[in-house]
Amino acid sequence: GDKNFGDIVNEKIVNYGKDWTNINLNDG
């Protein structure tokens, strides 16, 4: 859609626990 692949990964990974809250996995 209007998001890149990394944005969607960011949305999915929060389901794997609190360790991934507020982490941005996008390049750079």
PDB file of all heavy atoms in Angstrom:
ATOM      1  N   GLY A   1       0.842  -1.185   0.000  1.00  0.00           N
ATOM      2  CA  GLY A   1       0.000   0.000   0.000  1.00  0.00           C
ATOM      3  C   GLY A   1       0.877   1.235   0.000  1.00  0.00           C
ATOM      4  O   GLY A   1       1.783   1.375  -0.820  1.00  0.00           O
ATOM      5  N   ASP A   2       0.642   2.149   0.951  1.00  0.00           N
ATOM      6  CA  ASP A   2       1.458   3.355   1.043  1.00  0.00           C
ATOM      7  C   ASP A   2       2.590   3.209   2.052  1.00  0.00           C
ATOM      8  O   ASP A   2       3.241   4.195   2.421  1.00  0.00           O
ATOM      9  CB  ASP A   2       0.582   4.563   1.402  1.00  0.00           C
ATOM     10  CG  ASP A   2      -0.135   4.389   2.746  1.00  0.00           C
ATOM     11  OD1 ASP A   2      -0.062   3.285   3.324  1.00  0.00           O
ATOM     12  OD2 ASP A   2      -0.761   5.361   3.202  1.00  0.00           O
ATOM     13  N   LYS A   3       2.845   1.982   2.501  1.00  0.00           N
ATOM     14  CA  LYS A   3       3.922   1.717   3.445  1.00  0.00           C
ATOM     15  C   LYS A   3       4.986   0.851   2.793  1.00  0.00           C
ATOM     16  O   LYS A   3       4.703   0.079   1.867  1.00  0.00           O
ATOM     17  CB  LYS A   3       3.371   1.001   4.689  1.00  0.00           C
ATOM     18  CG  LYS A   3       2.328   1.805   5.464  1.00  0.00           C
ATOM     19  CD  LYS A   3       1.803   1.009   6.644  1.00  0.00           C
ATOM     20  CE  LYS A   3       0.750   1.790   7.415  1.00  0.00           C
ATOM     21  NZ  LYS A   3       0.211   1.016   8.553  1.00  0.00           N
ATOM     22  N   ASN A   4       6.220   0.968   3.292  1.00  0.00           N
ATOM     23  CA  ASN A   4       7.237   0.059   2.790  1.00  0.00           C
ATOM     24  C   ASN A   4       7.258  -1.213   3.637  1.00  0.00           C
ATOM     25  O   ASN A   4       6.605  -1.305   4.679  1.00  0.00           O
ATOM     26  CB  ASN A   4       8.615   0.731   2.710  1.00  0.00           C
ATOM     27  CG  ASN A   4       9.217   1.070   4.055  1.00  0.00           C
ATOM     28  OD1 ASN A   4       9.011   0.365   5.047  1.00  0.00           O
ATOM     29  ND2 ASN A   4       9.980   2.149   4.113  1.00  0.00           N
ATOM     30  N   PHE A   5       8.010  -2.190   3.166  1.00  0.00           N
ATOM     31  CA  PHE A   5       8.037  -3.498   3.810  1.00  0.00           C
ATOM     32  C   PHE A   5       8.475  -3.388   5.271  1.00  0.00           C
ATOM     33  O   PHE A   5       7.924  -4.044   6.157  1.00  0.00           O
ATOM     34  CB  PHE A   5       8.977  -4.426   3.037  1.00  0.00           C
ATOM     35  CG  PHE A   5       8.952  -5.854   3.496  1.00  0.00           C
ATOM     36  CD1 PHE A   5       7.881  -6.684   3.201  1.00  0.00           C
ATOM     37  CD2 PHE A   5      10.011  -6.385   4.222  1.00  0.00           C
ATOM     38  CE1 PHE A   5       7.857  -8.004   3.618  1.00  0.00           C
ATOM     39  CE2 PHE A   5      10.003  -7.705   4.641  1.00  0.00           C
ATOM     40  CZ  PHE A   5       8.917  -8.509   4.343  1.00  0.00           C
ATOM     41  N   GLY A   6       9.465  -2.528   5.526  1.00  0.00           N
ATOM     42  CA  GLY A   6       9.959  -2.367   6.891  1.00  0.00           C
ATOM     43  C   GLY A   6       8.908  -1.833   7.848  1.00  0.00           C
ATOM     44  O   GLY A   6       8.870  -2.218   9.025  1.00  0.00           O
ATOM     45  N   ASP A   7       8.034  -0.954   7.354  1.00  0.00           N
ATOM     46  CA  ASP A   7       6.958  -0.440   8.206  1.00  0.00           C
ATOM     47  C   ASP A   7       6.040  -1.572   8.669  1.00  0.00           C
ATOM     48  O   ASP A   7       5.593  -1.596   9.828  1.00  0.00           O
ATOM     49  CB  ASP A   7       6.129   0.600   7.444  1.00  0.00           C
ATOM     50  CG  ASP A   7       6.917   1.862   7.123  1.00  0.00           C
ATOM     51  OD1 ASP A   7       7.842   2.185   7.893  1.00  0.00           O
ATOM     52  OD2 ASP A   7       6.613   2.504   6.100  1.00  0.00           O
ATOM     53  N   ILE A   8       5.747  -2.493   7.750  1.00  0.00           N
ATOM     54  CA  ILE A   8       4.862  -3.615   8.097  1.00  0.00           C
ATOM     55  C   ILE A   8       5.555  -4.566   9.073  1.00  0.00           C
ATOM     56  O   ILE A   8       4.932  -5.079  10.009  1.00  0.00           O
ATOM     57  CB  ILE A   8       4.403  -4.374   6.835  1.00  0.00           C
ATOM     58  CG1 ILE A   8       3.743  -3.397   5.856  1.00  0.00           C
ATOM     59  CG2 ILE A   8       3.445  -5.488   7.195  1.00  0.00           C
ATOM     60  CD1 ILE A   8       2.545  -2.657   6.422  1.00  0.00           C
ATOM     61  N   VAL A   9       6.860  -4.775   8.895  1.00  0.00           N
ATOM     62  CA  VAL A   9       7.605  -5.609   9.841  1.00  0.00           C
ATOM     63  C   VAL A   9       7.564  -4.987  11.232  1.00  0.00           C
ATOM     64  O   VAL A   9       7.394  -5.690  12.236  1.00  0.00           O
ATOM     65  CB  VAL A   9       9.061  -5.810   9.372  1.00  0.00           C
ATOM     66  CG1 VAL A   9       9.854  -6.620  10.410  1.00  0.00           C
ATOM     67  CG2 VAL A   9       9.103  -6.520   8.020  1.00  0.00           C
ATOM     68  N   ASN A  10       7.696  -3.673  11.309  1.00  0.00           N
ATOM     69  CA  ASN A  10       7.606  -2.982  12.604  1.00  0.00           C
ATOM     70  C   ASN A  10       6.269  -3.255  13.281  1.00  0.00           C
ATOM     71  O   ASN A  10       6.199  -3.428  14.510  1.00  0.00           O
ATOM     72  CB  ASN A  10       7.777  -1.475  12.408  1.00  0.00           C
ATOM     73  CG  ASN A  10       9.211  -1.075  12.125  1.00  0.00           C
ATOM     74  OD1 ASN A  10      10.149  -1.749  12.537  1.00  0.00           O
ATOM     75  ND2 ASN A  10       9.381   0.016  11.404  1.00  0.00           N
ATOM     76  N   GLU A  11       5.198  -3.292  12.496  1.00  0.00           N
ATOM     77  CA  GLU A  11       3.869  -3.549  13.058  1.00  0.00           C
ATOM     78  C   GLU A  11       3.730  -4.992  13.531  1.00  0.00           C
ATOM     79  O   GLU A  11       3.068  -5.268  14.536  1.00  0.00           O
ATOM     80  CB  GLU A  11       2.802  -3.248  12.009  1.00  0.00           C
ATOM     81  CG  GLU A  11       2.718  -1.768  11.620  1.00  0.00           C
ATOM     82  CD  GLU A  11       1.762  -1.528  10.462  1.00  0.00           C
ATOM     83  OE1 GLU A  11       1.114  -2.511  10.008  1.00  0.00           O
ATOM     84  OE2 GLU A  11       1.652  -0.369  10.004  1.00  0.00           O
ATOM     85  N   LYS A  12       4.359  -5.916  12.820  1.00  0.00           N
ATOM     86  CA  LYS A  12       4.230  -7.339  13.147  1.00  0.00           C
ATOM     87  C   LYS A  12       5.085  -7.743  14.354  1.00  0.00           C
ATOM     88  O   LYS A  12       4.680  -8.579  15.169  1.00  0.00           O
ATOM     89  CB  LYS A  12       4.640  -8.196  11.938  1.00  0.00           C
ATOM     90  CG  LYS A  12       3.856  -7.946  10.665  1.00  0.00           C
ATOM     91  CD  LYS A  12       2.446  -8.479  10.752  1.00  0.00           C
ATOM     92  CE  LYS A  12       1.732  -8.354   9.408  1.00  0.00           C
ATOM     93  NZ  LYS A  12       0.324  -8.836   9.468  1.00  0.00           N
ATOM     94  N   ILE A  13       6.263  -7.157  14.474  1.00  0.00           N
ATOM     95  CA  ILE A  13       7.213  -7.667  15.465  1.00  0.00           C
ATOM     96  C   ILE A  13       6.802  -7.333  16.896  1.00  0.00           C
ATOM     97  O   ILE A  13       7.238  -8.001  17.849  1.00  0.00           O
ATOM     98  CB  ILE A  13       8.642  -7.159  15.169  1.00  0.00           C
ATOM     99  CG1 ILE A  13       9.665  -8.073  15.869  1.00  0.00           C
ATOM    100  CG2 ILE A  13       8.801  -5.698  15.575  1.00  0.00           C
ATOM    101  CD1 ILE A  13      11.083  -7.871  15.417  1.00  0.00           C
ATOM    102  N   VAL A  14       5.956  -6.333  17.087  1.00  0.00           N
ATOM    103  CA  VAL A  14       5.532  -6.010  18.457  1.00  0.00           C
ATOM    104  C   VAL A  14       4.761  -7.171  19.084  1.00  0.00           C
ATOM    105  O   VAL A  14       4.653  -7.258  20.322  1.00  0.00           O
ATOM    106  CB  VAL A  14       4.661  -4.735  18.484  1.00  0.00           C
ATOM    107  CG1 VAL A  14       5.479  -3.531  18.053  1.00  0.00           C
ATOM    108  CG2 VAL A  14       3.419  -4.886  17.607  1.00  0.00           C
ATOM    109  N   ASN A  15       4.256  -8.079  18.251  1.00  0.00           N
ATOM    110  CA  ASN A  15       3.542  -9.251  18.766  1.00  0.00           C
ATOM    111  C   ASN A  15       4.483 -10.275  19.377  1.00  0.00           C
ATOM    112  O   ASN A  15       4.028 -11.268  19.964  1.00  0.00           O
ATOM    113  CB  ASN A  15       2.724  -9.905  17.647  1.00  0.00           C
ATOM    114  CG  ASN A  15       1.644  -8.984  17.103  1.00  0.00           C
ATOM    115  OD1 ASN A  15       1.012  -8.252  17.854  1.00  0.00           O
ATOM    116  ND2 ASN A  15       1.438  -9.015  15.795  1.00  0.00           N
ATOM    117  N   TYR A  16       5.801 -10.059  19.233  1.00  0.00           N
ATOM    118  CA  TYR A  16       6.777 -11.001  19.763  1.00  0.00           C
ATOM    119  C   TYR A  16       7.311 -10.579  21.126  1.00  0.00           C
ATOM    120  O   TYR A  16       8.288 -11.142  21.610  1.00  0.00           O
ATOM    121  CB  TYR A  16       7.923 -11.180  18.754  1.00  0.00           C
ATOM    122  CG  TYR A  16       7.501 -12.012  17.564  1.00  0.00           C
ATOM    123  CD1 TYR A  16       6.825 -11.428  16.494  1.00  0.00           C
ATOM    124  CD2 TYR A  16       7.718 -13.387  17.520  1.00  0.00           C
ATOM    125  CE1 TYR A  16       6.406 -12.180  15.414  1.00  0.00           C
ATOM    126  CE2 TYR A  16       7.310 -14.148  16.436  1.00  0.00           C
ATOM    127  CZ  TYR A  16       6.651 -13.540  15.393  1.00  0.00           C
ATOM    128  OH  TYR A  16       6.232 -14.292  14.317  1.00  0.00           O
ATOM    129  N   GLY A  17       6.674  -9.594  21.754  1.00  0.00           N
ATOM    130  CA  GLY A  17       7.051  -9.253  23.120  1.00  0.00           C
ATOM    131  C   GLY A  17       7.455  -7.806  23.301  1.00  0.00           C
ATOM    132  O   GLY A  17       7.680  -7.057  22.345  1.00  0.00           O
ATOM    133  N   LYS A  18       7.574  -7.407  24.553  1.00  0.00           N
ATOM    134  CA  LYS A  18       7.864  -6.020  24.922  1.00  0.00           C
ATOM    135  C   LYS A  18       9.235  -5.559  24.453  1.00  0.00           C
ATOM    136  O   LYS A  18       9.488  -4.349  24.361  1.00  0.00           O
ATOM    137  CB  LYS A  18       7.757  -5.851  26.432  1.00  0.00           C
ATOM    138  CG  LYS A  18       8.750  -6.679  27.241  1.00  0.00           C
ATOM    139  CD  LYS A  18       8.558  -6.463  28.737  1.00  0.00           C
ATOM    140  CE  LYS A  18       9.518  -7.325  29.551  1.00  0.00           C
ATOM    141  NZ  LYS A  18      10.929  -7.017  29.292  1.00  0.00           N
ATOM    142  N   ASP A  19      10.126  -6.511  24.156  1.00  0.00           N
ATOM    143  CA  ASP A  19      11.457  -6.142  23.686  1.00  0.00           C
ATOM    144  C   ASP A  19      11.400  -5.326  22.402  1.00  0.00           C
ATOM    145  O   ASP A  19      12.339  -4.593  22.080  1.00  0.00           O
ATOM    146  CB  ASP A  19      12.310  -7.396  23.428  1.00  0.00           C
ATOM    147  CG  ASP A  19      12.535  -8.206  24.689  1.00  0.00           C
ATOM    148  OD1 ASP A  19      12.770  -7.589  25.738  1.00  0.00           O
ATOM    149  OD2 ASP A  19      12.460  -9.446  24.622  1.00  0.00           O
ATOM    150  N   TRP A  20      10.320  -5.481  21.652  1.00  0.00           N
ATOM    151  CA  TRP A  20      10.238  -4.863  20.331  1.00  0.00           C
ATOM    152  C   TRP A  20       9.353  -3.626  20.305  1.00  0.00           C
ATOM    153  O   TRP A  20       9.076  -3.085  19.232  1.00  0.00           O
ATOM    154  CB  TRP A  20       9.751  -5.898  19.315  1.00  0.00           C
ATOM    155  CG  TRP A  20      10.642  -7.101  19.295  1.00  0.00           C
ATOM    156  CD1 TRP A  20      10.345  -8.360  19.721  1.00  0.00           C
ATOM    157  CD2 TRP A  20      11.999  -7.147  18.861  1.00  0.00           C
ATOM    158  NE1 TRP A  20      11.424  -9.193  19.571  1.00  0.00           N
ATOM    159  CE2 TRP A  20      12.460  -8.470  19.045  1.00  0.00           C
ATOM    160  CE3 TRP A  20      12.884  -6.198  18.338  1.00  0.00           C
ATOM    161  CZ2 TRP A  20      13.749  -8.866  18.714  1.00  0.00           C
ATOM    162  CZ3 TRP A  20      14.172  -6.584  18.009  1.00  0.00           C
ATOM    163  CH2 TRP A  20      14.589  -7.908  18.203  1.00  0.00           C
ATOM    164  N   THR A  21       8.937  -3.163  21.442  1.00  0.00           N
ATOM    165  CA  THR A  21       8.142  -1.934  21.496  1.00  0.00           C
ATOM    166  C   THR A  21       9.017  -0.724  21.162  1.00  0.00           C
ATOM    167  O   THR A  21      10.135  -0.605  21.650  1.00  0.00           O
ATOM    168  CB  THR A  21       7.525  -1.745  22.900  1.00  0.00           C
ATOM    169  OG1 THR A  21       6.742  -2.896  23.219  1.00  0.00           O
ATOM    170  CG2 THR A  21       6.642  -0.511  22.945  1.00  0.00           C
ATOM    171  N   ASN A  22       8.506   0.142  20.304  1.00  0.00           N
ATOM    172  CA  ASN A  22       9.189   1.392  19.932  1.00  0.00           C
ATOM    173  C   ASN A  22      10.547   1.167  19.279  1.00  0.00           C
ATOM    174  O   ASN A  22      11.460   1.983  19.423  1.00  0.00           O
ATOM    175  CB  ASN A  22       9.357   2.295  21.168  1.00  0.00           C
ATOM    176  CG  ASN A  22       8.036   2.703  21.771  1.00  0.00           C
ATOM    177  OD1 ASN A  22       7.081   2.967  21.047  1.00  0.00           O
ATOM    178  ND2 ASN A  22       7.977   2.737  23.105  1.00  0.00           N
ATOM    179  N   ILE A  23      10.679   0.066  18.546  1.00  0.00           N
ATOM    180  CA  ILE A  23      11.907  -0.192  17.778  1.00  0.00           C
ATOM    181  C   ILE A  23      11.598  -0.010  16.299  1.00  0.00           C
ATOM    182  O   ILE A  23      10.609  -0.535  15.790  1.00  0.00           O
ATOM    183  CB  ILE A  23      12.454  -1.607  18.051  1.00  0.00           C
ATOM    184  CG1 ILE A  23      13.153  -1.631  19.416  1.00  0.00           C
ATOM    185  CG2 ILE A  23      13.433  -2.036  16.970  1.00  0.00           C
ATOM    186  CD1 ILE A  23      13.798  -2.947  19.757  1.00  0.00           C
ATOM    187  N   ASN A  24      12.448   0.748  15.605  1.00  0.00           N
ATOM    188  CA  ASN A  24      12.280   0.991  14.173  1.00  0.00           C
ATOM    189  C   ASN A  24      13.315   0.179  13.411  1.00  0.00           C
ATOM    190  O   ASN A  24      14.518   0.436  13.504  1.00  0.00           O
ATOM    191  CB  ASN A  24      12.443   2.485  13.875  1.00  0.00           C
ATOM    192  CG  ASN A  24      12.092   2.830  12.435  1.00  0.00           C
ATOM    193  OD1 ASN A  24      11.981   1.954  11.576  1.00  0.00           O
ATOM    194  ND2 ASN A  24      11.911   4.114  12.169  1.00  0.00           N
ATOM    195  N   LEU A  25      12.845  -0.807  12.653  1.00  0.00           N
ATOM    196  CA  LEU A  25      13.735  -1.717  11.942  1.00  0.00           C
ATOM    197  C   LEU A  25      14.057  -1.252  10.529  1.00  0.00           C
ATOM    198  O   LEU A  25      14.729  -1.966   9.780  1.00  0.00           O
ATOM    199  CB  LEU A  25      13.106  -3.114  11.885  1.00  0.00           C
ATOM    200  CG  LEU A  25      12.926  -3.812  13.233  1.00  0.00           C
ATOM    201  CD1 LEU A  25      12.084  -5.068  13.077  1.00  0.00           C
ATOM    202  CD2 LEU A  25      14.272  -4.150  13.853  1.00  0.00           C
ATOM    203  N   ASN A  26      13.608  -0.069  10.151  1.00  0.00           N
ATOM    204  CA  ASN A  26      13.901   0.427   8.812  1.00  0.00           C
ATOM    205  C   ASN A  26      15.389   0.680   8.633  1.00  0.00           C
ATOM    206  O   ASN A  26      16.131   0.900   9.602  1.00  0.00           O
ATOM    207  CB  ASN A  26      13.112   1.707   8.532  1.00  0.00           C
ATOM    208  CG  ASN A  26      11.679   1.414   8.124  1.00  0.00           C
ATOM    209  OD1 ASN A  26      11.435   0.755   7.115  1.00  0.00           O
ATOM    210  ND2 ASN A  26      10.728   1.891   8.909  1.00  0.00           N
ATOM    211  N   ASP A  27      15.836   0.645   7.368  1.00  0.00           N
ATOM    212  CA  ASP A  27      17.240   0.889   7.055  1.00  0.00           C
ATOM    213  C   ASP A  27      17.698   2.228   7.620  1.00  0.00           C
ATOM    214  O   ASP A  27      16.935   3.197   7.709  1.00  0.00           O
ATOM    215  CB  ASP A  27      17.445   0.908   5.537  1.00  0.00           C
ATOM    216  CG  ASP A  27      17.347  -0.478   4.911  1.00  0.00           C
ATOM    217  OD1 ASP A  27      17.264  -1.466   5.660  1.00  0.00           O
ATOM    218  OD2 ASP A  27      17.358  -0.566   3.660  1.00  0.00           O
ATOM    219  N   GLY A  28      18.984   2.276   7.996  1.00  0.00           N
ATOM    220  CA  GLY A  28      19.576   3.520   8.450  1.00  0.00           C
ATOM    221  C   GLY A  28      19.299   3.863   9.900  1.00  0.00           C
ATOM    222  O   GLY A  28      19.628   4.964  10.341  1.00  0.00           O
TER     223      GLY A  28
END
